[in-house]
Structure formats: structure tokens, C-alpha cells
């Protein structure tokens, strides 16, 4: 037996142990394998094809063409179909209208593609009565995912990364390759004469994951070639701990929360604050999971931070604006969670307190007075001398016909065009803050553009300055 064969046997044994440890195939007779034609998914399909002979499993290959790369992606789908024909594997393929789904829902590209892809997988599972959907995520994917979420500020269950097994429709998703690396998968393909296709976008520095893959992962592997195993162990530990902690939080929350109606509840502030802080953090997660039918992409850990700050504030009352029209209203010893009417959700207008903090659906504005112009202006920071603007400043939602004067341009530009150029999803435009002065001049689109009405050069003799910082709520990856 040559060296490559020995290595392949070790990899297969590793995968078998992982499957057994997580009981992936217990009571499973039919498996749908998600296949793109790339090395990971094609190796997984080949693995299950070989396994089906000894385990008496029925295997179905499900391949989705996202319709984003024209004939290239269609060819890849036909390639998978041809591979299945050679191996006598049942094939299910479908072309997805991702572009149309983006237009209908306002979702960004990857979210829209993922939603349609998983809907397709669910349909195939239902069609064939499959108990499991197998996906080709591997140990390097796990390492990248956990690192990305740590850097983005994720917490709780999200830090566990990619689950080895999770519920899906009436069955489950399984990921047998989380215990091995990309290099080991490529070697498996070579030994078994598998000729996968390669998606060029996987090498593009445009995507965050690719930058981690190219710059961060090689360094970690130099320090520890088995780093993926440590991250998988970390994932499982976090998941186990979170399962226990969430049960504790659910028990404690039952004493503090009263459901008033569907999608409306009230929290006893004193009872909630008696809970240990780790249970408070998980308690707000449970409340949000109950209230939202689907967690909005713009909901982040920052919303939870502002909620806890509101409850701990000495101020007797306050209101927070969460995504999709959810309002959190504190009044003395109670805190009401309720959804605003659609009209209220669509439009907003608030005077910006200087100094002070304003929590909006899209993010947080915090204003401060300055003795000197010690802070530089940036996309997320508005710095101005008091005499340059007509106060008070107002932050509001966009309106039809809004225009903004920009540097280097004659006249003004429509906000709609600025949003399009900045690739802001349709779903975010109605909640994006627009800052204007007392005369109605738009001065700042936080995170995007400054108006040319405010000089980029700081007045030399101004004695009063202020700065407004914008912190956008980001989705946990």
C-alpha cells in the first residue's frame, strides 16, 4: 500500500469515527447530498456512494444552479448529473432564480442564494423521504467561520461555528467532513481519480472568507497543522455549554416575562436584573427568538447591549428601535416588547441630542461636545464647528425626492442613486439614517457620504465643536 493510500485510509477512519461520534447516520436510510461539483461536495458524494454499498443507504445528489454565472454554472450542474449517471446515483437538479429573489425580497446576494438553495434541498428531501442532508463543509471552513464570528463580535451559540448535526425540516443536516482539512479532501479526490470543477470566485479577495483562507489560515497551520481539530473541539464545547445555559435562562425568564398577546410581551425589570448577567444575555436572545418569525439580518449583538444598558439605566423610561418595527419600551419597573404599526415603522424623525445617544433601527448615533477639533471626519464620524450649521440637527428616514450636495459635483444627487451606487440592499434603505440641519439641508448619510455644505477643512478659530459617531448594526456571520 503506497503512502497516499495509507493517508486516505487514515482520513476515512477519521470520518467514520466522526460520523459515529455524532450519530449522523443513526436511523438514516436515505441521504440527500448537496453537490456543487467542487472538490468538497464531489468527494462527499463519492464517499457516500462507496458507503452506500456497505450501509445499504439510498443516495440522492441535489445540485442547484444559481444562475449567476451563465453557461459556466449550468455546465457544472450537467457535470454533476453526468458523474451521477456513471455511478448510478439518483440526481436532482434545479436552476434557481437568485436575481429575481433578490429583487422580490431585497436580500443581498449570498443570503438570497442560500435561502433558495436550502429550500431546494428541503424539497428534494421531502420528495425522496430522506432523513438527512449531507453537506461538504470541512475543518478549514469551521476554523474560518469561528474566526470571522469572533472578529465580528458574535457571542453565544453563534461562536460554535458550523454545527456537525442540526435539525432541518423533518430530518437533519450532517457534515461528516468537519473533522478533515481541504488538503485531505483534495488528496482524496486525487487518489480516487475524481476531477472536480473549481469556482474562480473562491480565490477572489473580494470575499471576507477568502481573505481569512489566504492570509490567516496558513499562519495558524504553521503553528499547529491540526488546528482544525482544536477549533472543532472548541465548537463542540461551546455548543454543549450553550445548550445548558439556554435551559437555565429559559427557566429563570419564565419568572420575569409575561406574554400579553401574539408577538407582544412585558418584562419585569427588577426580576430580570436579578438574573445572573450570562442568563440575562441569553434571556434577551430567547425573547427575540419568540417575537421574530425570522431573525432580521440587521439584528446584532449590539442591539442586545443597548437593551441591557436601557434596563440598567437610572432613567425611568426609554425606547429602543429594533429591526422590522420591534419597539422596546421601558417604563419604570416594566419593559414592553411590541411591534409598531407599518406606517410608524416606515418613517421616523428625531432631534439629535448633543451630547447624547440615539438608538435607531439601523444603528446607534452618539454625539459629543468637543473643546477642540481633535477628531477627524470619516464616513462613520461627523465633525463640525457649531457655527457651520443651523441647529438642532435631525435624523430621519429618507423621503421621496431627497437630494444631497456632494463634493466635486455640480448641483445635487438623489439619495436613491447614492444607495444604489453604495450597494445598500432595498430592505435597509427605508431605515437608513439621514441627518439634516434645521433648514432641511441633508448634511450626512452616516456610513456613506458627507455633504459639500460642510467644509472638509476645520475653521481655525472655532470654540465650539461637536462630533456624531455612527455604529451600524451588523449581522452575525
Protein backbone atom coordinates (compact mmCIF):
# COMPACT_ATOMS: atom_id res chain seq x y z
CA UNK A 1 0.00 0.00 0.00
CA UNK A 2 1.53 3.34 -1.09
CA UNK A 3 1.80 6.43 1.09
CA UNK A 4 -1.24 8.13 -0.45
CA UNK A 5 -3.39 5.06 0.14
CA UNK A 6 -2.29 4.91 3.79
CA UNK A 7 -3.18 8.59 4.22
CA UNK A 8 -6.56 8.01 2.59
CA UNK A 9 -7.29 5.15 4.98
CA UNK A 10 -6.49 7.40 7.94
CA UNK A 11 -8.80 10.09 6.56
CA UNK A 12 -11.61 7.58 6.05
CA UNK A 13 -11.18 6.24 9.58
CA UNK A 14 -11.28 9.82 10.91
CA UNK A 15 -14.54 10.49 9.07
CA UNK A 16 -16.06 7.18 10.22
CA UNK A 17 -15.24 8.00 13.85
CA UNK A 18 -16.74 11.48 13.45
CA UNK A 19 -19.94 10.09 11.94
CA UNK A 20 -20.22 7.56 14.74
CA UNK A 21 -19.47 10.10 17.49
CA UNK A 22 -22.25 12.42 16.34
CA UNK A 23 -24.67 9.59 15.43
CA UNK A 24 -25.08 11.12 11.99
CA UNK A 25 -26.44 8.02 10.29
CA UNK A 26 -28.42 6.51 13.15
CA UNK A 27 -31.89 5.57 11.82
CA UNK A 28 -30.98 7.05 8.41
CA UNK A 29 -31.80 5.13 5.25
CA UNK A 30 -31.86 7.91 2.64
CA UNK A 31 -29.32 10.74 2.36
CA UNK A 32 -29.50 13.78 0.09
CA UNK A 33 -26.01 15.09 -0.69
CA UNK A 34 -25.73 18.76 -1.68
CA UNK A 35 -23.32 18.86 -4.64
CA UNK A 36 -21.90 21.85 -6.50
CA UNK A 37 -19.27 19.93 -8.46
CA UNK A 38 -16.39 21.36 -6.43
CA UNK A 39 -13.82 19.19 -4.59
CA UNK A 40 -15.58 19.18 -1.19
CA UNK A 41 -19.07 18.23 -2.29
CA UNK A 42 -17.96 15.84 -5.05
CA UNK A 43 -15.65 13.99 -2.63
CA UNK A 44 -18.55 13.78 -0.16
CA UNK A 45 -20.84 12.35 -2.82
CA UNK A 46 -18.18 9.81 -3.80
CA UNK A 47 -17.70 8.90 -0.12
CA UNK A 48 -21.41 8.27 0.38
CA UNK A 49 -21.61 6.36 -2.90
CA UNK A 50 -18.96 3.94 -1.60
CA UNK A 51 -20.59 3.87 1.84
CA UNK A 52 -24.00 3.06 0.36
CA UNK A 53 -22.82 -0.42 -0.63
CA UNK A 54 -21.90 -1.44 2.92
CA UNK A 55 -24.55 0.58 4.79
CA UNK A 56 -27.40 -0.02 2.34
CA UNK A 57 -28.05 3.69 2.09
CA UNK A 58 -30.02 5.30 -0.72
CA UNK A 59 -28.14 8.34 -2.04
CA UNK A 60 -29.60 11.31 -3.91
CA UNK A 61 -27.39 14.07 -5.33
CA UNK A 62 -29.00 17.53 -5.24
CA UNK A 63 -27.33 20.17 -7.41
CA UNK A 64 -28.53 23.78 -7.64
CA UNK A 65 -27.55 26.14 -10.45
CA UNK A 66 -27.82 29.66 -9.01
CA UNK A 67 -27.98 31.14 -12.50
CA UNK A 68 -25.36 33.74 -11.68
CA UNK A 69 -22.51 32.65 -13.96
CA UNK A 70 -24.48 31.84 -17.09
CA UNK A 71 -23.37 28.82 -19.07
CA UNK A 72 -20.45 28.14 -16.72
CA UNK A 73 -22.69 27.26 -13.75
CA UNK A 74 -25.12 25.37 -15.99
CA UNK A 75 -22.19 23.28 -17.26
CA UNK A 76 -21.18 22.46 -13.68
CA UNK A 77 -24.69 21.20 -12.94
CA UNK A 78 -24.59 18.98 -16.04
CA UNK A 79 -21.17 17.73 -14.94
CA UNK A 80 -22.63 16.58 -11.60
CA UNK A 81 -25.50 14.89 -13.45
CA UNK A 82 -23.00 13.04 -15.66
CA UNK A 83 -20.99 11.95 -12.60
CA UNK A 84 -24.17 10.57 -11.04
CA UNK A 85 -25.11 8.72 -14.22
CA UNK A 86 -21.74 6.94 -14.23
CA UNK A 87 -22.17 5.88 -10.60
CA UNK A 88 -25.90 5.09 -10.88
CA UNK A 89 -26.74 7.77 -8.29
CA UNK A 90 -30.16 9.44 -8.29
CA UNK A 91 -29.79 13.05 -9.45
CA UNK A 92 -32.00 16.07 -8.71
CA UNK A 93 -31.09 19.41 -10.26
CA UNK A 94 -32.73 22.81 -10.40
CA UNK A 95 -31.93 26.29 -11.71
CA UNK A 96 -32.62 28.95 -9.09
CA UNK A 97 -33.75 32.50 -9.84
CA UNK A 98 -31.47 34.20 -7.34
CA UNK A 99 -31.56 37.58 -9.09
CA UNK A 100 -35.36 37.58 -9.05
CA UNK A 101 -35.46 36.54 -5.40
CA UNK A 102 -33.10 39.39 -4.51
CA UNK A 103 -35.40 41.84 -6.28
CA UNK A 104 -38.52 40.48 -4.58
CA UNK A 105 -37.12 40.29 -1.05
CA UNK A 106 -34.37 42.93 -1.02
CA UNK A 107 -31.89 40.37 0.34
CA UNK A 108 -28.18 40.60 -0.51
CA UNK A 109 -26.79 38.09 -3.00
CA UNK A 110 -25.40 35.43 -0.68
CA UNK A 111 -28.45 35.45 1.63
CA UNK A 112 -30.87 35.13 -1.29
CA UNK A 113 -28.83 32.31 -2.86
CA UNK A 114 -28.59 30.44 0.44
CA UNK A 115 -32.33 30.69 1.13
CA UNK A 116 -33.28 29.35 -2.31
CA UNK A 117 -30.64 26.61 -2.15
CA UNK A 118 -31.85 25.31 1.20
CA UNK A 119 -35.48 25.49 0.04
CA UNK A 120 -34.47 23.30 -2.89
CA UNK A 121 -32.69 20.83 -0.61
CA UNK A 122 -35.80 20.64 1.59
CA UNK A 123 -37.96 19.87 -1.45
CA UNK A 124 -35.63 17.06 -2.54
CA UNK A 125 -35.57 15.59 0.98
CA UNK A 126 -39.36 15.65 1.09
CA UNK A 127 -39.64 14.12 -2.39
CA UNK A 128 -37.48 11.12 -1.51
CA UNK A 129 -38.34 10.83 2.18
CA UNK A 130 -34.72 11.48 3.17
CA UNK A 131 -33.80 11.67 6.84
CA UNK A 132 -30.52 13.55 6.31
CA UNK A 133 -28.95 16.24 4.14
CA UNK A 134 -25.16 15.85 3.89
CA UNK A 135 -23.05 18.93 3.15
CA UNK A 136 -19.34 19.16 2.40
CA UNK A 137 -18.15 21.74 4.94
CA UNK A 138 -14.70 20.78 6.22
CA UNK A 139 -12.39 21.61 9.11
CA UNK A 140 -10.86 24.65 7.41
CA UNK A 141 -14.37 26.06 6.86
CA UNK A 142 -15.02 25.61 10.57
CA UNK A 143 -11.82 27.44 11.56
CA UNK A 144 -12.57 30.33 9.19
CA UNK A 145 -16.17 30.64 10.38
CA UNK A 146 -15.31 30.79 14.08
CA UNK A 147 -12.53 33.33 13.48
CA UNK A 148 -14.82 35.52 11.36
CA UNK A 149 -17.52 35.47 14.02
CA UNK A 150 -15.07 36.30 16.79
CA UNK A 151 -13.79 39.28 14.83
CA UNK A 152 -17.35 40.44 14.04
CA UNK A 153 -18.28 40.35 17.74
CA UNK A 154 -20.58 37.33 17.74
CA UNK A 155 -21.42 35.64 21.01
CA UNK A 156 -23.22 32.64 22.49
CA UNK A 157 -24.26 29.81 20.20
CA UNK A 158 -23.04 31.73 17.16
CA UNK A 159 -19.43 31.21 18.34
CA UNK A 160 -19.83 27.45 17.97
CA UNK A 161 -19.49 27.95 14.23
CA UNK A 162 -20.79 25.24 11.91
CA UNK A 163 -22.82 22.55 13.63
CA UNK A 164 -21.86 18.95 12.85
CA UNK A 165 -25.53 17.98 13.14
CA UNK A 166 -28.60 20.20 13.28
CA UNK A 167 -32.32 19.88 12.70
CA UNK A 168 -33.58 20.64 9.21
CA UNK A 169 -37.21 20.29 8.08
CA UNK A 170 -38.32 16.84 9.30
CA UNK A 171 -34.77 15.50 9.32
CA UNK A 172 -31.28 16.83 9.92
CA UNK A 173 -28.21 18.32 8.28
CA UNK A 174 -24.99 16.36 8.73
CA UNK A 175 -21.44 17.46 7.95
CA UNK A 176 -19.11 14.42 8.06
CA UNK A 177 -16.04 16.30 6.72
CA UNK A 178 -15.71 18.82 9.56
CA UNK A 179 -13.01 16.57 11.02
CA UNK A 180 -10.70 16.80 7.97
CA UNK A 181 -8.99 19.57 6.01
CA UNK A 182 -9.34 20.92 2.49
CA UNK A 183 -5.93 19.43 1.63
CA UNK A 184 -7.08 15.99 2.76
CA UNK A 185 -10.21 16.29 0.62
CA UNK A 186 -8.14 17.25 -2.42
CA UNK A 187 -5.90 14.25 -1.80
CA UNK A 188 -8.99 12.02 -1.58
CA UNK A 189 -10.05 13.35 -4.99
CA UNK A 190 -6.61 12.62 -6.44
CA UNK A 191 -6.43 9.05 -5.08
CA UNK A 192 -9.93 8.25 -6.36
CA UNK A 193 -9.42 9.95 -9.74
CA UNK A 194 -12.17 12.48 -9.08
CA UNK A 195 -11.93 15.52 -11.37
CA UNK A 196 -13.94 18.32 -9.70
CA UNK A 197 -14.65 21.74 -11.13
CA UNK A 198 -13.19 24.85 -9.48
CA UNK A 199 -15.17 28.04 -8.87
CA UNK A 200 -12.84 31.01 -9.55
CA UNK A 201 -14.75 33.16 -7.04
CA UNK A 202 -13.29 31.00 -4.24
CA UNK A 203 -9.95 32.75 -4.82
CA UNK A 204 -11.28 36.29 -5.05
CA UNK A 205 -10.10 38.66 -2.31
CA UNK A 206 -13.48 40.37 -2.65
CA UNK A 207 -15.00 37.93 -0.15
CA UNK A 208 -14.18 38.04 3.56
CA UNK A 209 -13.88 34.26 3.90
CA UNK A 210 -11.33 34.08 1.11
CA UNK A 211 -9.15 36.68 2.82
CA UNK A 212 -9.14 34.60 6.01
CA UNK A 213 -8.39 31.50 3.95
CA UNK A 214 -5.47 33.10 2.15
CA UNK A 215 -3.92 35.22 4.92
CA UNK A 216 -4.90 33.87 8.34
CA UNK A 217 -5.32 30.11 7.99
CA UNK A 218 -1.82 29.37 6.59
CA UNK A 219 -0.24 31.11 9.61
CA UNK A 220 -2.34 29.06 12.06
CA UNK A 221 -1.47 25.83 10.26
CA UNK A 222 2.21 26.70 10.56
CA UNK A 223 1.77 26.95 14.31
CA UNK A 224 -0.33 23.78 14.51
CA UNK A 225 -1.06 21.62 11.43
CA UNK A 226 -4.03 20.11 13.33
CA UNK A 227 -5.53 23.47 14.27
CA UNK A 228 -8.84 22.47 12.65
CA UNK A 229 -9.25 19.77 15.31
CA UNK A 230 -8.80 22.32 18.08
CA UNK A 231 -11.42 24.57 16.53
CA UNK A 232 -13.84 21.67 16.12
CA UNK A 233 -13.31 20.79 19.77
CA UNK A 234 -13.95 24.44 20.68
CA UNK A 235 -17.14 24.38 18.59
CA UNK A 236 -18.50 21.32 20.35
CA UNK A 237 -17.65 22.67 23.81
CA UNK A 238 -19.37 26.00 23.12
CA UNK A 239 -22.42 24.20 21.74
CA UNK A 240 -22.72 21.93 24.78
CA UNK A 241 -22.28 24.84 27.20
CA UNK A 242 -24.81 26.98 25.35
CA UNK A 243 -27.42 24.23 25.37
CA UNK A 244 -27.18 24.04 29.16
CA UNK A 245 -27.07 27.82 29.69
CA UNK A 246 -30.10 28.40 27.47
CA UNK A 247 -32.12 25.93 29.51
CA UNK A 248 -31.13 27.79 32.67
CA UNK A 249 -32.06 31.12 31.07
CA UNK A 250 -35.43 29.78 29.92
CA UNK A 251 -36.24 28.64 33.45
CA UNK A 252 -35.24 31.98 35.00
CA UNK A 253 -37.01 34.00 32.31
CA UNK A 254 -40.33 32.28 32.99
CA UNK A 255 -40.44 34.16 36.32
CA UNK A 256 -39.83 37.56 34.71
CA UNK A 257 -41.70 37.51 31.38
CA UNK A 258 -45.43 37.70 30.70
CA UNK A 259 -46.85 37.11 27.22
CA UNK A 260 -49.67 39.60 26.58
CA UNK A 261 -50.61 38.61 23.04
CA UNK A 262 -49.07 37.14 19.93
CA UNK A 263 -45.79 38.98 19.30
CA UNK A 264 -46.19 41.13 22.40
CA UNK A 265 -44.82 40.61 25.90
CA UNK A 266 -43.84 42.54 29.01
CA UNK A 267 -40.77 42.03 31.16
CA UNK A 268 -40.42 42.72 34.87
CA UNK A 269 -37.24 44.80 35.03
CA UNK A 270 -36.40 44.01 38.70
CA UNK A 271 -36.95 40.26 38.19
CA UNK A 272 -34.87 40.26 35.01
CA UNK A 273 -31.99 42.17 36.61
CA UNK A 274 -31.89 39.64 39.45
CA UNK A 275 -30.85 37.01 36.91
CA UNK A 276 -27.06 36.47 36.55
CA UNK A 277 -25.67 38.52 33.66
CA UNK A 278 -24.89 35.44 31.49
CA UNK A 279 -28.55 34.42 31.81
CA UNK A 280 -29.71 37.98 31.06
CA UNK A 281 -27.82 37.89 27.75
CA UNK A 282 -29.37 34.58 26.82
CA UNK A 283 -32.74 35.73 28.09
CA UNK A 284 -32.93 38.56 25.56
CA UNK A 285 -31.99 36.05 22.84
CA UNK A 286 -34.93 33.85 23.88
CA UNK A 287 -37.30 36.83 23.85
CA UNK A 288 -36.19 37.88 20.36
CA UNK A 289 -36.45 34.32 19.06
CA UNK A 290 -40.05 34.25 20.30
CA UNK A 291 -41.01 37.65 18.87
CA UNK A 292 -39.45 37.34 15.43
CA UNK A 293 -40.78 34.79 12.97
CA UNK A 294 -37.38 35.06 11.28
CA UNK A 295 -34.45 36.89 12.86
CA UNK A 296 -33.70 40.00 10.71
CA UNK A 297 -30.29 40.11 9.08
CA UNK A 298 -29.64 43.52 10.67
CA UNK A 299 -30.14 42.26 14.24
CA UNK A 300 -26.81 42.05 16.06
CA UNK A 301 -25.21 41.69 19.46
CA UNK A 302 -25.13 45.50 19.65
CA UNK A 303 -28.93 45.54 19.94
CA UNK A 304 -28.66 43.25 22.96
CA UNK A 305 -26.01 45.50 24.51
CA UNK A 306 -28.23 48.57 24.16
CA UNK A 307 -31.18 46.66 25.63
CA UNK A 308 -29.21 45.69 28.74
CA UNK A 309 -27.91 49.27 29.03
CA UNK A 310 -31.50 50.55 28.90
CA UNK A 311 -32.64 48.26 31.71
CA UNK A 312 -29.65 49.22 33.87
CA UNK A 313 -30.03 52.94 33.20
CA UNK A 314 -31.09 55.26 36.04
CA UNK A 315 -33.52 56.84 33.59
CA UNK A 316 -37.05 55.59 34.41
CA UNK A 317 -38.12 55.34 30.78
CA UNK A 318 -36.71 54.90 27.31
CA UNK A 319 -37.40 53.37 23.92
CA UNK A 320 -35.27 51.29 21.53
CA UNK A 321 -35.98 50.74 17.84
CA UNK A 322 -35.13 47.21 16.77
CA UNK A 323 -35.30 45.85 13.19
CA UNK A 324 -38.63 45.06 11.49
CA UNK A 325 -40.54 47.56 13.61
CA UNK A 326 -39.95 46.00 17.03
CA UNK A 327 -40.14 48.59 19.80
CA UNK A 328 -38.70 48.04 23.27
CA UNK A 329 -40.31 50.48 25.72
CA UNK A 330 -39.06 50.76 29.28
CA UNK A 331 -41.33 52.44 31.84
CA UNK A 332 -40.17 52.25 35.45
CA UNK A 333 -40.32 48.56 36.52
CA UNK A 334 -41.66 47.12 33.27
CA UNK A 335 -40.40 46.79 29.72
CA UNK A 336 -42.83 46.25 26.84
CA UNK A 337 -41.91 44.49 23.60
CA UNK A 338 -44.32 45.32 20.79
CA UNK A 339 -44.30 45.79 17.04
CA UNK A 340 -45.04 49.23 15.62
CA UNK A 341 -47.71 49.87 13.04
CA UNK A 342 -46.40 49.68 9.50
CA UNK A 343 -46.65 53.43 8.98
CA UNK A 344 -44.69 54.09 12.17
CA UNK A 345 -42.05 51.64 11.08
CA UNK A 346 -41.67 53.22 7.64
CA UNK A 347 -40.98 56.81 8.75
CA UNK A 348 -39.07 58.30 11.65
CA UNK A 349 -37.70 61.70 12.65
CA UNK A 350 -35.82 62.56 15.86
CA UNK A 351 -33.84 65.53 17.10
CA UNK A 352 -30.24 64.51 17.78
CA UNK A 353 -29.28 65.24 21.41
CA UNK A 354 -25.82 66.81 21.71
CA UNK A 355 -24.43 65.29 23.83
CA UNK A 356 -26.45 62.10 23.88
CA UNK A 357 -27.15 58.73 22.30
CA UNK A 358 -29.92 57.84 19.88
CA UNK A 359 -30.65 54.17 19.16
CA UNK A 360 -32.18 53.61 15.73
CA UNK A 361 -33.17 50.51 13.84
CA UNK A 362 -30.12 50.67 11.56
CA UNK A 363 -27.59 51.63 14.21
CA UNK A 364 -26.57 53.94 17.02
CA UNK A 365 -25.78 57.66 16.85
CA UNK A 366 -23.74 59.04 19.74
CA UNK A 367 -22.99 62.76 19.89
CA UNK A 368 -20.41 64.59 21.99
CA UNK A 369 -19.21 68.14 22.53
CA UNK A 370 -15.52 68.84 21.84
CA UNK A 371 -13.23 71.55 23.14
CA UNK A 372 -11.04 71.28 20.05
CA UNK A 373 -11.29 69.62 16.65
CA UNK A 374 -9.47 66.59 18.00
CA UNK A 375 -11.38 64.02 15.91
CA UNK A 376 -11.05 63.55 12.17
CA UNK A 377 -14.10 63.28 9.98
CA UNK A 378 -14.85 59.92 8.36
CA UNK A 379 -17.74 58.01 6.85
CA UNK A 380 -18.85 56.96 10.33
CA UNK A 381 -17.94 60.25 12.06
CA UNK A 382 -19.46 63.68 11.50
CA UNK A 383 -17.34 66.53 12.92
CA UNK A 384 -18.46 70.12 12.72
CA UNK A 385 -18.00 73.56 14.23
CA UNK A 386 -21.26 74.70 15.80
CA UNK A 387 -21.35 77.94 13.77
CA UNK A 388 -21.20 75.99 10.50
CA UNK A 389 -24.72 74.57 10.82
CA UNK A 390 -28.20 75.59 11.82
CA UNK A 391 -29.07 73.60 14.94
CA UNK A 392 -30.80 71.45 16.03
CA UNK A 393 -29.85 68.55 13.80
CA UNK A 394 -32.45 65.92 12.97
CA UNK A 395 -32.07 62.30 11.94
CA UNK A 396 -34.89 60.91 9.84
CA UNK A 397 -35.82 58.27 7.30
CA UNK A 398 -35.45 59.00 3.60
CA UNK A 399 -38.20 60.76 1.66
CA UNK A 400 -39.19 60.77 -1.98
CA UNK A 401 -37.08 63.26 -3.92
CA UNK A 402 -34.33 63.59 -1.29
CA UNK A 403 -31.17 65.12 -2.76
CA UNK A 404 -27.72 65.80 -1.35
CA UNK A 405 -24.96 68.19 -2.42
CA UNK A 406 -21.68 66.30 -2.84
CA UNK A 407 -18.10 67.48 -3.25
CA UNK A 408 -16.81 67.63 -6.80
CA UNK A 409 -20.28 67.71 -8.32
CA UNK A 410 -22.31 70.48 -9.85
CA UNK A 411 -25.75 70.56 -8.31
CA UNK A 412 -27.01 67.72 -6.14
CA UNK A 413 -27.55 63.96 -6.28
CA UNK A 414 -30.57 61.80 -5.46
CA UNK A 415 -30.24 59.73 -2.28
CA UNK A 416 -31.73 56.83 -4.23
CA UNK A 417 -28.74 56.87 -6.61
CA UNK A 418 -26.27 57.08 -3.71
CA UNK A 419 -27.86 53.99 -2.12
CA UNK A 420 -27.68 52.11 -5.43
CA UNK A 421 -24.03 53.05 -6.02
CA UNK A 422 -23.18 52.01 -2.43
CA UNK A 423 -24.99 48.67 -2.94
CA UNK A 424 -27.29 49.21 0.04
CA UNK A 425 -29.99 46.48 -0.02
CA UNK A 426 -33.56 47.68 -0.60
CA UNK A 427 -34.55 46.39 2.85
CA UNK A 428 -32.05 48.73 4.55
CA UNK A 429 -32.80 51.94 2.64
CA UNK A 430 -36.03 52.78 4.49
CA UNK A 431 -34.30 52.53 7.87
CA UNK A 432 -31.03 54.22 6.86
CA UNK A 433 -30.48 57.43 8.89
CA UNK A 434 -30.47 60.78 7.09
CA UNK A 435 -29.03 63.72 9.07
CA UNK A 436 -30.24 67.23 8.23
CA UNK A 437 -29.95 70.71 9.74
CA UNK A 438 -32.74 72.98 10.99
CA UNK A 439 -33.27 74.30 7.44
CA UNK A 440 -33.74 70.82 5.97
CA UNK A 441 -30.35 70.56 4.26
CA UNK A 442 -29.06 66.97 4.20
CA UNK A 443 -25.60 67.05 5.77
CA UNK A 444 -24.67 63.42 6.25
CA UNK A 445 -25.62 59.90 5.24
CA UNK A 446 -23.94 58.01 8.11
CA UNK A 447 -21.54 55.39 6.85
CA UNK A 448 -21.81 56.66 3.26
CA UNK A 449 -21.45 60.35 2.36
CA UNK A 450 -20.87 63.85 3.74
CA UNK A 451 -22.47 66.91 2.19
CA UNK A 452 -20.31 69.52 0.47
CA UNK A 453 -22.25 72.10 2.51
CA UNK A 454 -19.95 71.30 5.44
CA UNK A 455 -16.34 72.18 4.76
CA UNK A 456 -13.79 69.37 4.95
CA UNK A 457 -11.38 71.98 6.35
CA UNK A 458 -11.74 72.86 10.02
CA UNK A 459 -12.32 76.55 10.85
CA UNK A 460 -9.24 77.91 12.58
CA UNK A 461 -10.90 79.95 15.32
CA UNK A 462 -13.99 77.98 16.28
CA UNK A 463 -14.54 77.50 20.01
CA UNK A 464 -17.46 75.06 19.84
CA UNK A 465 -17.22 71.70 18.18
CA UNK A 466 -19.26 68.54 18.20
CA UNK A 467 -18.90 65.05 16.78
CA UNK A 468 -21.51 62.41 15.96
CA UNK A 469 -20.42 58.78 15.71
CA UNK A 470 -22.41 56.15 13.81
CA UNK A 471 -22.22 52.49 14.78
CA UNK A 472 -24.10 50.35 12.27
CA UNK A 473 -25.72 47.15 13.45
CA UNK A 474 -24.17 44.21 11.61
CA UNK A 475 -25.46 40.71 11.13
CA UNK A 476 -23.58 37.94 12.99
CA UNK A 477 -21.89 35.75 10.48
